[in-house]
Amino acid sequence: MAKQQSFADKAKGKKKADHITVKFVKAVKTDKGSYKFNEKFVRLDDISKVTELK
């Protein structure tokens, strides 16, 4: 039985992502005075928007 779909056909069918995912780490001071780090992944449309995260 012949192969129906080649690798080139598979690669052509995938869409390029129109966003970028970055890991956002925020330092939070606790009541005891130590620091806790909150980590989360954030999806951005453009890499220049990284400076706007809070």
PDB file of N, CA and C in Angstrom:
ATOM      1  N   MET A   1       0.849  -1.168   0.000  1.00  0.00           N
ATOM      2  CA  MET A   1       0.000   0.000   0.000  1.00  0.00           C
ATOM      3  C   MET A   1       0.905   1.245   0.000  1.00  0.00           C
ATOM      4  N   ALA A   2       0.607   2.195  -0.834  1.00  0.00           N
ATOM      5  CA  ALA A   2       1.420   3.406  -0.980  1.00  0.00           C
ATOM      6  C   ALA A   2       1.080   4.423   0.101  1.00  0.00           C
ATOM      7  N   LYS A   3       2.063   5.246   0.395  1.00  0.00           N
ATOM      8  CA  LYS A   3       1.885   6.284   1.407  1.00  0.00           C
ATOM      9  C   LYS A   3       1.004   7.397   0.845  1.00  0.00           C
ATOM     10  N   GLN A   4       0.009   7.822   1.582  1.00  0.00           N
ATOM     11  CA  GLN A   4      -0.944   8.823   1.110  1.00  0.00           C
ATOM     12  C   GLN A   4      -0.422  10.248   1.273  1.00  0.00           C
ATOM     13  N   GLN A   5       0.301  10.499   2.352  1.00  0.00           N
ATOM     14  CA  GLN A   5       0.700  11.866   2.672  1.00  0.00           C
ATOM     15  C   GLN A   5       2.207  11.903   2.917  1.00  0.00           C
ATOM     16  N   SER A   6       2.887  12.829   2.245  1.00  0.00           N
ATOM     17  CA  SER A   6       4.328  12.951   2.442  1.00  0.00           C
ATOM     18  C   SER A   6       4.616  13.951   3.554  1.00  0.00           C
ATOM     19  N   PHE A   7       5.879  14.003   3.971  1.00  0.00           N
ATOM     20  CA  PHE A   7       6.257  14.941   5.019  1.00  0.00           C
ATOM     21  C   PHE A   7       6.060  16.381   4.553  1.00  0.00           C
ATOM     22  N   ALA A   8       6.327  16.666   3.308  1.00  0.00           N
ATOM     23  CA  ALA A   8       6.149  18.022   2.775  1.00  0.00           C
ATOM     24  C   ALA A   8       4.679  18.445   2.855  1.00  0.00           C
ATOM     25  N   ASP A   9       3.793  17.521   2.610  1.00  0.00           N
ATOM     26  CA  ASP A   9       2.365  17.829   2.708  1.00  0.00           C
ATOM     27  C   ASP A   9       1.967  18.118   4.151  1.00  0.00           C
ATOM     28  N   LYS A  10       2.547  17.363   5.100  1.00  0.00           N
ATOM     29  CA  LYS A  10       2.253  17.592   6.512  1.00  0.00           C
ATOM     30  C   LYS A  10       2.761  18.958   6.965  1.00  0.00           C
ATOM     31  N   ALA A  11       3.988  19.290   6.597  1.00  0.00           N
ATOM     32  CA  ALA A  11       4.599  20.547   7.019  1.00  0.00           C
ATOM     33  C   ALA A  11       3.877  21.740   6.410  1.00  0.00           C
ATOM     34  N   LYS A  12       3.389  21.584   5.220  1.00  0.00           N
ATOM     35  CA  LYS A  12       2.672  22.670   4.559  1.00  0.00           C
ATOM     36  C   LYS A  12       1.346  22.962   5.250  1.00  0.00           C
ATOM     37  N   GLY A  13       0.737  21.963   5.854  1.00  0.00           N
ATOM     38  CA  GLY A  13      -0.564  22.107   6.477  1.00  0.00           C
ATOM     39  C   GLY A  13      -0.530  22.798   7.826  1.00  0.00           C
ATOM     40  N   LYS A  14       0.646  22.870   8.472  1.00  0.00           N
ATOM     41  CA  LYS A  14       0.721  23.496   9.789  1.00  0.00           C
ATOM     42  C   LYS A  14       0.824  25.002   9.651  1.00  0.00           C
ATOM     43  N   LYS A  15       0.118  25.701  10.514  1.00  0.00           N
ATOM     44  CA  LYS A  15       0.137  27.157  10.506  1.00  0.00           C
ATOM     45  C   LYS A  15       1.188  27.657  11.475  1.00  0.00           C
ATOM     46  N   LYS A  16       1.800  28.764  11.132  1.00  0.00           N
ATOM     47  CA  LYS A  16       2.756  29.388  12.037  1.00  0.00           C
ATOM     48  C   LYS A  16       1.980  30.161  13.101  1.00  0.00           C
ATOM     49  N   ALA A  17       2.436  30.065  14.344  1.00  0.00           N
ATOM     50  CA  ALA A  17       1.756  30.741  15.447  1.00  0.00           C
ATOM     51  C   ALA A  17       1.878  32.253  15.298  1.00  0.00           C
ATOM     52  N   ASP A  18       0.790  32.975  15.525  1.00  0.00           N
ATOM     53  CA  ASP A  18       0.795  34.429  15.404  1.00  0.00           C
ATOM     54  C   ASP A  18       1.016  35.094  16.755  1.00  0.00           C
ATOM     55  N   HIS A  19       1.511  34.316  17.719  1.00  0.00           N
ATOM     56  CA  HIS A  19       1.777  34.860  19.042  1.00  0.00           C
ATOM     57  C   HIS A  19       3.077  34.254  19.566  1.00  0.00           C
ATOM     58  N   ILE A  20       3.551  34.790  20.658  1.00  0.00           N
ATOM     59  CA  ILE A  20       4.752  34.282  21.296  1.00  0.00           C
ATOM     60  C   ILE A  20       4.436  34.028  22.761  1.00  0.00           C
ATOM     61  N   THR A  21       4.992  32.976  23.318  1.00  0.00           N
ATOM     62  CA  THR A  21       4.752  32.629  24.717  1.00  0.00           C
ATOM     63  C   THR A  21       6.032  32.869  25.498  1.00  0.00           C
ATOM     64  N   VAL A  22       5.918  33.623  26.597  1.00  0.00           N
ATOM     65  CA  VAL A  22       7.071  33.913  27.449  1.00  0.00           C
ATOM     66  C   VAL A  22       6.741  33.510  28.881  1.00  0.00           C
ATOM     67  N   LYS A  23       7.780  33.224  29.655  1.00  0.00           N
ATOM     68  CA  LYS A  23       7.604  32.884  31.060  1.00  0.00           C
ATOM     69  C   LYS A  23       7.769  34.152  31.873  1.00  0.00           C
ATOM     70  N   PHE A  24       6.759  34.499  32.656  1.00  0.00           N
ATOM     71  CA  PHE A  24       6.723  35.721  33.454  1.00  0.00           C
ATOM     72  C   PHE A  24       6.958  35.350  34.911  1.00  0.00           C
ATOM     73  N   VAL A  25       8.025  35.892  35.506  1.00  0.00           N
ATOM     74  CA  VAL A  25       8.373  35.610  36.897  1.00  0.00           C
ATOM     75  C   VAL A  25       8.254  36.902  37.681  1.00  0.00           C
ATOM     76  N   LYS A  26       7.469  36.861  38.756  1.00  0.00           N
ATOM     77  CA  LYS A  26       7.223  38.045  39.578  1.00  0.00           C
ATOM     78  C   LYS A  26       7.658  37.743  41.005  1.00  0.00           C
ATOM     79  N   ALA A  27       8.466  38.633  41.589  1.00  0.00           N
ATOM     80  CA  ALA A  27       8.916  38.479  42.967  1.00  0.00           C
ATOM     81  C   ALA A  27       7.941  39.206  43.889  1.00  0.00           C
ATOM     82  N   VAL A  28       7.455  38.510  44.913  1.00  0.00           N
ATOM     83  CA  VAL A  28       6.500  39.061  45.861  1.00  0.00           C
ATOM     84  C   VAL A  28       7.090  38.924  47.257  1.00  0.00           C
ATOM     85  N   LYS A  29       7.095  40.011  48.015  1.00  0.00           N
ATOM     86  CA  LYS A  29       7.618  39.973  49.377  1.00  0.00           C
ATOM     87  C   LYS A  29       6.512  39.486  50.315  1.00  0.00           C
ATOM     88  N   THR A  30       6.828  38.497  51.143  1.00  0.00           N
ATOM     89  CA  THR A  30       5.844  37.940  52.066  1.00  0.00           C
ATOM     90  C   THR A  30       5.826  38.752  53.356  1.00  0.00           C
ATOM     91  N   ASP A  31       4.907  38.416  54.246  1.00  0.00           N
ATOM     92  CA  ASP A  31       4.793  39.104  55.529  1.00  0.00           C
ATOM     93  C   ASP A  31       6.029  38.898  56.406  1.00  0.00           C
ATOM     94  N   LYS A  32       6.667  37.760  56.262  1.00  0.00           N
ATOM     95  CA  LYS A  32       7.848  37.456  57.051  1.00  0.00           C
ATOM     96  C   LYS A  32       9.098  38.185  56.554  1.00  0.00           C
ATOM     97  N   GLY A  33       9.021  38.769  55.375  1.00  0.00           N
ATOM     98  CA  GLY A  33      10.170  39.491  54.828  1.00  0.00           C
ATOM     99  C   GLY A  33      10.933  38.720  53.771  1.00  0.00           C
ATOM    100  N   SER A  34      10.578  37.485  53.547  1.00  0.00           N
ATOM    101  CA  SER A  34      11.249  36.713  52.501  1.00  0.00           C
ATOM    102  C   SER A  34      10.529  36.944  51.164  1.00  0.00           C
ATOM    103  N   TYR A  35      11.128  36.489  50.098  1.00  0.00           N
ATOM    104  CA  TYR A  35      10.555  36.679  48.770  1.00  0.00           C
ATOM    105  C   TYR A  35      10.035  35.367  48.217  1.00  0.00           C
ATOM    106  N   LYS A  36       8.918  35.463  47.533  1.00  0.00           N
ATOM    107  CA  LYS A  36       8.290  34.328  46.877  1.00  0.00           C
ATOM    108  C   LYS A  36       8.223  34.663  45.392  1.00  0.00           C
ATOM    109  N   PHE A  37       8.468  33.692  44.544  1.00  0.00           N
ATOM    110  CA  PHE A  37       8.454  33.926  43.104  1.00  0.00           C
ATOM    111  C   PHE A  37       7.242  33.249  42.482  1.00  0.00           C
ATOM    112  N   ASN A  38       6.422  34.039  41.814  1.00  0.00           N
ATOM    113  CA  ASN A  38       5.267  33.517  41.079  1.00  0.00           C
ATOM    114  C   ASN A  38       5.651  33.420  39.612  1.00  0.00           C
ATOM    115  N   GLU A  39       5.448  32.256  39.038  1.00  0.00           N
ATOM    116  CA  GLU A  39       5.788  32.025  37.645  1.00  0.00           C
ATOM    117  C   GLU A  39       4.533  31.677  36.863  1.00  0.00           C
ATOM    118  N   LYS A  40       4.420  32.247  35.664  1.00  0.00           N
ATOM    119  CA  LYS A  40       3.326  31.869  34.774  1.00  0.00           C
ATOM    120  C   LYS A  40       3.742  32.135  33.338  1.00  0.00           C
ATOM    121  N   PHE A  41       3.119  31.421  32.427  1.00  0.00           N
ATOM    122  CA  PHE A  41       3.377  31.616  31.014  1.00  0.00           C
ATOM    123  C   PHE A  41       2.348  32.598  30.472  1.00  0.00           C
ATOM    124  N   VAL A  42       2.827  33.568  29.703  1.00  0.00           N
ATOM    125  CA  VAL A  42       1.967  34.617  29.156  1.00  0.00           C
ATOM    126  C   VAL A  42       2.086  34.593  27.642  1.00  0.00           C
ATOM    127  N   ARG A  43       0.969  34.687  26.966  1.00  0.00           N
ATOM    128  CA  ARG A  43       0.942  34.718  25.506  1.00  0.00           C
ATOM    129  C   ARG A  43       0.857  36.178  25.049  1.00  0.00           C
ATOM    130  N   LEU A  44       1.796  36.584  24.198  1.00  0.00           N
ATOM    131  CA  LEU A  44       1.852  37.959  23.695  1.00  0.00           C
ATOM    132  C   LEU A  44       1.751  37.957  22.181  1.00  0.00           C
ATOM    133  N   ASP A  45       1.200  39.029  21.641  1.00  0.00           N
ATOM    134  CA  ASP A  45       1.130  39.164  20.192  1.00  0.00           C
ATOM    135  C   ASP A  45       2.467  39.595  19.609  1.00  0.00           C
ATOM    136  N   ASP A  46       3.210  40.407  20.369  1.00  0.00           N
ATOM    137  CA  ASP A  46       4.469  40.953  19.872  1.00  0.00           C
ATOM    138  C   ASP A  46       5.492  40.956  21.012  1.00  0.00           C
ATOM    139  N   ILE A  47       6.735  40.690  20.713  1.00  0.00           N
ATOM    140  CA  ILE A  47       7.769  40.619  21.738  1.00  0.00           C
ATOM    141  C   ILE A  47       8.035  41.987  22.365  1.00  0.00           C
ATOM    142  N   SER A  48       7.696  43.056  21.703  1.00  0.00           N
ATOM    143  CA  SER A  48       7.932  44.391  22.253  1.00  0.00           C
ATOM    144  C   SER A  48       6.997  44.702  23.422  1.00  0.00           C
ATOM    145  N   LYS A  49       5.961  43.911  23.619  1.00  0.00           N
ATOM    146  CA  LYS A  49       5.014  44.126  24.712  1.00  0.00           C
ATOM    147  C   LYS A  49       5.498  43.529  26.038  1.00  0.00           C
ATOM    148  N   VAL A  50       6.685  42.946  26.050  1.00  0.00           N
ATOM    149  CA  VAL A  50       7.222  42.341  27.275  1.00  0.00           C
ATOM    150  C   VAL A  50       7.427  43.394  28.354  1.00  0.00           C
ATOM    151  N   THR A  51       7.824  44.568  27.978  1.00  0.00           N
ATOM    152  CA  THR A  51       8.089  45.620  28.959  1.00  0.00           C
ATOM    153  C   THR A  51       6.812  46.124  29.610  1.00  0.00           C
ATOM    154  N   GLU A  52       5.650  45.845  29.062  1.00  0.00           N
ATOM    155  CA  GLU A  52       4.381  46.316  29.613  1.00  0.00           C
ATOM    156  C   GLU A  52       3.813  45.378  30.681  1.00  0.00           C
ATOM    157  N   LEU A  53       4.404  44.203  30.862  1.00  0.00           N
ATOM    158  CA  LEU A  53       3.891  43.245  31.851  1.00  0.00           C
ATOM    159  C   LEU A  53       4.156  43.734  33.260  1.00  0.00           C
ATOM    160  N   LYS A  54       3.203  43.479  34.148  1.00  0.00           N
ATOM    161  CA  LYS A  54       3.356  43.853  35.567  1.00  0.00           C
ATOM    162  C   LYS A  54       2.890  42.723  36.428  1.00  0.00           C
TER     163      LYS A  54
END
